[in-house]
Amino acid sequence: MNITEISIKRPSLIIVLFSIFTLLGIIGYKSLSYELMPDFNQPVVVIKTLYPGAEPNEVETSVSRKLEDALSNLEGVDYLVTKSLPNASIIIANLKYGTDLDKSMQDAQRYIDNIKKDLPDDIQSPMMSKVSPNDLPIISISATSELPPAEFYQKMKDEFLPKIQQIKGVAEITILGGEEREIQVKINQDKLKLYKISMIQAVEAIKRAGLDLPAGKVETKNERNSVRLTGNLQT
């Protein structure tokens, strides 16, 4: 007896079976768990290298390419993303799934140490960090201006960042690129020898000249005032 004969001769059995299947489908659908943003951990390593005062072209040729060549030999690398910015080089190493992230970071550090002698002396030590997809920035904002680079950077930092930080839900903001204001003091070596002053003494003198410290409080019967030692350099 095939299914067609059973359906004709015993319709009540077919109705019961389909009712059971429908009930099981409804129960299964309601108990089905799902996530709009599932948690997954793709192995990603970010290497950030600061090169103060360098333009993107110089960062590209002197830092990014050399690091990229060294990291291309890293076992488990799927692909590399390189960004050469003013004052900084960022390399994002996307590793294949299943790669041991801790071991890869150790290997990457070893490769970087091997080429440190070929990197510029003015760079800061490359900083390496793991990246979780849940920690990636949700919004990236790019800004340009005709202002001088240092003035534009300071304007973004002092005026725009505080406003964005006040927005509900903002956890952290990171500035990439730009040129932070810097004052360079060039010291005459001959005069240091003449006055018998060391370089360390000169540095400490500049630090002491730019202090702004609390100096206690002055209290009277009617009022209470805070006193500060204001010595910030103005020029």
Protein backbone atom coordinates (compact mmCIF):
# COMPACT_ATOMS: atom_id res chain seq x y z
CA MET A 1 0.00 0.00 0.00
CA ASN A 2 1.58 3.25 -1.11
CA ILE A 3 1.12 6.71 0.41
CA THR A 4 -1.58 7.65 -2.08
CA GLU A 5 -3.77 4.72 -1.06
CA ILE A 6 -3.22 5.44 2.63
CA SER A 7 -4.21 9.09 2.11
CA ILE A 8 -7.45 8.05 0.34
CA LYS A 9 -8.46 5.17 2.60
CA ARG A 10 -7.31 6.63 5.94
CA PRO A 11 -7.58 10.45 5.72
CA SER A 12 -7.83 10.83 9.49
CA LEU A 13 -4.32 9.37 9.90
CA ILE A 14 -2.85 11.90 7.41
CA ILE A 15 -4.60 14.77 9.18
CA VAL A 16 -3.18 13.66 12.54
CA LEU A 17 0.36 13.30 11.12
CA PHE A 18 0.29 16.73 9.49
CA SER A 19 -1.08 18.23 12.69
CA ILE A 20 1.82 16.72 14.66
CA PHE A 21 4.37 17.99 12.11
CA THR A 22 2.82 21.47 12.20
CA LEU A 23 2.87 21.53 16.01
CA LEU A 24 6.51 20.41 16.10
CA GLY A 25 7.39 23.12 13.55
CA ILE A 26 5.75 25.85 15.66
CA ILE A 27 7.47 24.65 18.84
CA GLY A 28 10.83 24.46 17.05
CA TYR A 29 10.42 27.96 15.56
CA LYS A 30 9.62 29.53 18.93
CA SER A 31 12.54 27.82 20.65
CA LEU A 32 14.99 28.74 17.86
CA SER A 33 17.67 31.13 19.13
CA TYR A 34 19.20 33.70 16.80
CA GLU A 35 21.39 36.80 17.04
CA LEU A 36 21.41 39.80 14.77
CA MET A 37 25.08 40.43 15.67
CA PRO A 38 26.60 37.03 16.46
CA ASP A 39 29.77 37.02 18.53
CA PHE A 40 32.75 35.71 16.59
CA ASN A 41 36.45 36.09 17.11
CA GLN A 42 38.40 36.56 13.90
CA PRO A 43 42.14 36.58 14.62
CA VAL A 44 43.35 40.11 13.86
CA VAL A 45 46.57 41.81 14.95
CA VAL A 46 47.14 45.57 14.66
CA ILE A 47 50.66 47.04 14.60
CA LYS A 48 50.78 50.80 15.16
CA THR A 49 54.06 52.69 14.76
CA LEU A 50 54.37 56.41 15.54
CA TYR A 51 56.81 58.48 13.47
CA PRO A 52 56.54 62.09 14.76
CA GLY A 53 56.86 64.79 12.14
CA ALA A 54 56.80 62.45 9.13
CA GLU A 55 54.57 62.90 6.10
CA PRO A 56 52.52 59.97 4.71
CA ASN A 57 54.95 59.38 1.82
CA GLU A 58 57.89 59.17 4.18
CA VAL A 59 55.95 56.88 6.54
CA GLU A 60 55.07 54.65 3.59
CA THR A 61 58.62 54.20 2.30
CA SER A 62 60.55 54.22 5.59
CA VAL A 63 58.22 52.29 7.89
CA SER A 64 55.09 50.71 6.37
CA ARG A 65 56.72 48.86 3.48
CA LYS A 66 59.49 47.41 5.63
CA LEU A 67 57.07 46.20 8.28
CA GLU A 68 54.73 44.84 5.62
CA ASP A 69 57.54 42.85 3.99
CA ALA A 70 58.54 41.40 7.35
CA LEU A 71 54.99 40.47 8.37
CA SER A 72 54.15 38.92 5.00
CA ASN A 73 56.22 35.90 6.09
CA LEU A 74 54.09 35.45 9.21
CA GLU A 75 52.46 32.02 9.32
CA GLY A 76 48.68 32.08 9.03
CA VAL A 77 48.39 35.56 7.46
CA ASP A 78 45.35 35.84 5.21
CA TYR A 79 45.96 39.42 4.05
CA LEU A 80 47.47 42.69 5.28
CA VAL A 81 45.89 46.15 5.28
CA THR A 82 48.38 49.03 5.49
CA LYS A 83 47.61 52.67 6.26
CA SER A 84 50.31 55.33 6.12
CA LEU A 85 49.15 58.47 7.89
CA PRO A 86 50.90 61.67 8.97
CA ASN A 87 53.05 60.72 11.98
CA ALA A 88 51.86 57.09 12.07
CA SER A 89 51.85 53.73 10.30
CA ILE A 90 49.07 51.21 10.92
CA ILE A 91 49.21 47.62 9.68
CA ILE A 92 46.24 45.30 10.19
CA ALA A 93 47.15 41.62 9.86
CA ASN A 94 44.08 39.50 9.20
CA LEU A 95 44.88 35.91 10.08
CA LYS A 96 43.17 32.73 8.92
CA TYR A 97 40.53 31.19 11.17
CA GLY A 98 42.01 28.69 13.58
CA THR A 99 45.35 30.49 13.81
CA ASP A 100 46.84 30.69 17.31
CA LEU A 101 46.67 34.44 17.94
CA ASP A 102 49.12 34.55 20.84
CA LYS A 103 51.73 32.57 18.93
CA SER A 104 51.27 34.77 15.87
CA MET A 105 51.81 37.90 17.97
CA GLN A 106 55.04 36.45 19.36
CA ASP A 107 56.24 35.60 15.86
CA ALA A 108 55.26 39.06 14.58
CA GLN A 109 57.21 40.71 17.40
CA ARG A 110 60.25 38.61 16.52
CA TYR A 111 60.05 39.59 12.84
CA ILE A 112 59.75 43.27 13.77
CA ASP A 113 62.72 43.06 16.14
CA ASN A 114 64.80 41.57 13.31
CA ILE A 115 64.30 44.64 11.09
CA LYS A 116 64.42 47.36 13.76
CA LYS A 117 67.92 48.31 12.64
CA ASP A 118 66.50 49.15 9.19
CA LEU A 119 63.81 51.48 10.56
CA PRO A 120 64.34 55.22 11.20
CA ASP A 121 65.84 56.16 14.57
CA ASP A 122 63.07 58.70 15.25
CA ILE A 123 60.20 56.21 15.30
CA GLN A 124 58.64 55.00 18.53
CA SER A 125 58.54 51.29 19.30
CA PRO A 126 55.79 49.54 17.30
CA MET A 127 52.75 48.80 19.47
CA MET A 128 50.96 45.52 18.86
CA SER A 129 47.43 44.66 19.98
CA LYS A 130 44.71 42.10 19.41
CA VAL A 131 41.43 43.26 17.93
CA SER A 132 37.99 41.93 18.72
CA PRO A 133 35.28 42.62 16.11
CA ASN A 134 33.07 43.84 18.96
CA ASP A 135 35.62 46.57 19.72
CA LEU A 136 35.88 47.93 16.18
CA PRO A 137 34.70 51.53 15.68
CA ILE A 138 31.11 51.88 14.63
CA ILE A 139 31.59 55.29 13.05
CA SER A 140 34.67 56.67 11.30
CA ILE A 141 34.71 60.40 10.55
CA SER A 142 37.19 62.07 8.23
CA ALA A 143 37.79 65.81 8.33
CA THR A 144 39.81 68.18 6.17
CA SER A 145 40.58 71.86 6.50
CA GLU A 146 42.58 74.68 4.95
CA LEU A 147 43.91 75.57 8.40
CA PRO A 148 47.57 74.83 9.24
CA PRO A 149 47.91 71.15 10.31
CA ALA A 150 48.82 71.88 13.95
CA GLU A 151 46.03 74.44 14.37
CA PHE A 152 43.48 72.10 12.77
CA TYR A 153 44.52 69.19 15.01
CA GLN A 154 44.19 71.32 18.15
CA LYS A 155 40.81 72.65 17.02
CA MET A 156 39.51 69.12 16.51
CA LYS A 157 40.86 68.02 19.89
CA ASP A 158 39.62 71.01 21.92
CA GLU A 159 36.32 71.89 20.23
CA PHE A 160 34.85 68.96 18.32
CA LEU A 161 35.90 65.94 20.38
CA PRO A 162 34.26 67.13 23.63
CA LYS A 163 30.97 67.61 21.76
CA ILE A 164 31.10 64.11 20.24
CA GLN A 165 32.00 62.59 23.62
CA GLN A 166 28.79 64.01 25.09
CA ILE A 167 26.67 62.00 22.65
CA LYS A 168 24.87 59.15 24.39
CA GLY A 169 26.47 55.77 23.70
CA VAL A 170 29.93 57.04 22.75
CA ALA A 171 32.49 54.97 24.66
CA GLU A 172 35.82 56.02 23.18
CA ILE A 173 37.21 58.30 20.48
CA THR A 174 40.62 57.94 18.86
CA ILE A 175 42.26 60.57 16.65
CA LEU A 176 44.43 59.28 13.82
CA GLY A 177 46.58 61.55 11.72
CA GLY A 178 47.00 65.28 12.09
CA GLU A 179 49.96 67.16 13.44
CA GLU A 180 50.15 68.04 17.11
CA ARG A 181 51.77 71.35 18.04
CA GLU A 182 55.36 71.00 19.18
CA ILE A 183 57.98 73.47 20.35
CA GLN A 184 61.59 72.55 19.66
CA VAL A 185 64.32 74.11 21.78
CA LYS A 186 67.70 74.19 20.07
CA ILE A 187 70.51 74.50 22.59
CA ASN A 188 73.91 76.00 21.85
CA GLN A 189 76.47 73.36 22.81
CA ASP A 190 79.31 75.90 23.07
CA LYS A 191 77.40 78.00 25.62
CA LEU A 192 76.61 74.90 27.65
CA LYS A 193 80.34 74.19 27.92
CA LEU A 194 81.09 77.86 28.65
CA TYR A 195 78.68 78.01 31.60
CA LYS A 196 79.37 74.40 32.61
CA ILE A 197 75.73 73.37 32.29
CA SER A 198 74.69 69.88 31.31
CA MET A 199 71.89 69.05 28.87
CA ILE A 200 69.88 67.50 31.72
CA GLN A 201 70.07 70.75 33.71
CA ALA A 202 68.80 72.69 30.72
CA VAL A 203 65.87 70.29 30.26
CA GLU A 204 64.96 70.48 33.96
CA ALA A 205 65.11 74.30 33.86
CA ILE A 206 62.61 74.36 30.98
CA LYS A 207 60.30 71.96 32.86
CA ARG A 208 60.42 74.12 36.00
CA ALA A 209 59.63 77.22 33.96
CA GLY A 210 56.41 75.70 32.65
CA LEU A 211 54.74 74.55 35.86
CA ASP A 212 51.16 75.20 36.88
CA LEU A 213 50.66 73.73 40.38
CA PRO A 214 48.20 74.06 43.26
CA ALA A 215 49.79 75.95 46.16
CA GLY A 216 47.22 75.38 48.88
CA LYS A 217 44.31 77.42 50.19
CA VAL A 218 43.82 80.73 51.95
CA GLU A 219 40.97 80.89 54.43
CA THR A 220 39.45 83.84 56.25
CA LYS A 221 36.32 84.17 58.33
CA ASN A 222 34.26 85.08 55.30
CA GLU A 223 35.79 83.26 52.37
CA ARG A 224 38.02 80.42 51.24
CA ASN A 225 40.23 80.72 48.14
CA SER A 226 42.44 78.27 46.31
CA VAL A 227 45.93 79.38 45.38
CA ARG A 228 47.78 78.19 42.30
CA LEU A 229 51.36 78.71 41.20
CA THR A 230 50.85 79.76 37.58
CA GLY A 231 53.99 79.48 35.52
CA ASN A 232 52.88 78.25 32.11
CA LEU A 233 55.11 79.39 29.28
CA GLN A 234 53.27 81.89 27.07
CA THR A 235 55.85 82.31 24.33
